[in-house]
Amino acid sequence: MAKTARKNRARNARRKARALNASMRGEGEAPRGRNQMVLGMILHCKGSRFTDRKKQASKKACRGKTKE
């Protein structure tokens, strides 16, 4: 897929902002609400934080510390 030109990205952003402002005034389409089930799953999982096991193992690995 081709990258959108800068001019068109700006135009699309303005168009989206106008549509959002109109929907807040009560004109046109209402903005979509959040899916409550998905929102609950996201919040239940602590914001989708996953631990990187390889990174954790590397941090806890012995680095050849010498005993005094």
Protein backbone atom coordinates (compact mmCIF):
# COMPACT_ATOMS: atom_id res chain seq x y z
CA MET A 1 0.00 0.00 0.00
CA ALA A 2 1.34 3.41 -0.94
CA LYS A 3 2.02 6.08 1.66
CA THR A 4 -0.46 8.94 1.73
CA ALA A 5 0.94 12.27 0.60
CA ARG A 6 1.54 14.97 3.23
CA LYS A 7 -1.07 17.22 1.61
CA ASN A 8 -3.69 14.47 1.77
CA ARG A 9 -2.79 13.54 5.36
CA ALA A 10 -3.38 17.15 6.40
CA ARG A 11 -6.63 17.28 4.43
CA ASN A 12 -7.87 14.04 5.97
CA ALA A 13 -6.98 15.29 9.47
CA ARG A 14 -8.95 18.51 8.90
CA ARG A 15 -11.89 16.52 7.54
CA LYS A 16 -11.84 14.21 10.59
CA ALA A 17 -11.67 17.19 12.99
CA ARG A 18 -14.63 18.86 11.27
CA ALA A 19 -16.67 15.65 11.50
CA LEU A 20 -15.83 15.28 15.21
CA ASN A 21 -16.80 18.89 15.96
CA ALA A 22 -20.07 18.45 14.05
CA SER A 23 -20.90 15.27 15.96
CA MET A 24 -20.25 17.06 19.27
CA ARG A 25 -22.72 19.76 18.22
CA GLY A 26 -25.27 17.02 17.56
CA GLU A 27 -25.07 17.14 13.76
CA GLY A 28 -24.18 14.21 11.56
CA GLU A 29 -23.05 10.85 12.92
CA ALA A 30 -22.48 10.28 16.61
CA PRO A 31 -18.95 9.25 17.54
CA ARG A 32 -18.52 5.55 18.17
CA GLY A 33 -18.44 4.46 21.79
CA ARG A 34 -15.94 2.09 23.35
CA ASN A 35 -16.74 -1.60 23.34
CA GLN A 36 -17.33 -2.22 27.05
CA MET A 37 -16.29 -5.87 26.90
CA VAL A 38 -12.96 -5.06 25.26
CA LEU A 39 -12.40 -2.14 27.63
CA GLY A 40 -12.95 -4.44 30.61
CA MET A 41 -10.48 -6.96 29.20
CA ILE A 42 -7.84 -4.24 28.70
CA LEU A 43 -8.25 -2.89 32.22
CA HIS A 44 -8.32 -6.37 33.73
CA CYS A 45 -4.99 -7.23 32.10
CA LYS A 46 -3.25 -4.17 33.57
CA GLY A 47 -3.18 -2.32 30.25
CA SER A 48 -1.89 -5.27 28.20
CA ARG A 49 1.54 -5.27 29.87
CA PHE A 50 3.49 -8.36 29.04
CA THR A 51 6.81 -9.28 30.59
CA ASP A 52 9.71 -9.97 28.30
CA ARG A 53 11.05 -13.23 29.72
CA LYS A 54 14.29 -13.07 27.76
CA LYS A 55 14.99 -9.57 29.07
CA GLN A 56 14.18 -10.56 32.65
CA ALA A 57 16.47 -13.60 32.43
CA SER A 58 19.26 -11.42 31.08
CA LYS A 59 18.88 -8.92 33.93
CA LYS A 60 18.99 -11.67 36.57
CA ALA A 61 21.88 -13.59 34.98
CA CYS A 62 25.15 -13.94 36.82
CA ARG A 63 27.64 -11.44 35.45
CA GLY A 64 30.75 -13.05 36.89
CA LYS A 65 30.67 -11.21 40.21
CA THR A 66 33.69 -11.88 42.39
CA LYS A 67 33.42 -12.84 46.04
CA GLU A 68 35.52 -10.81 48.44
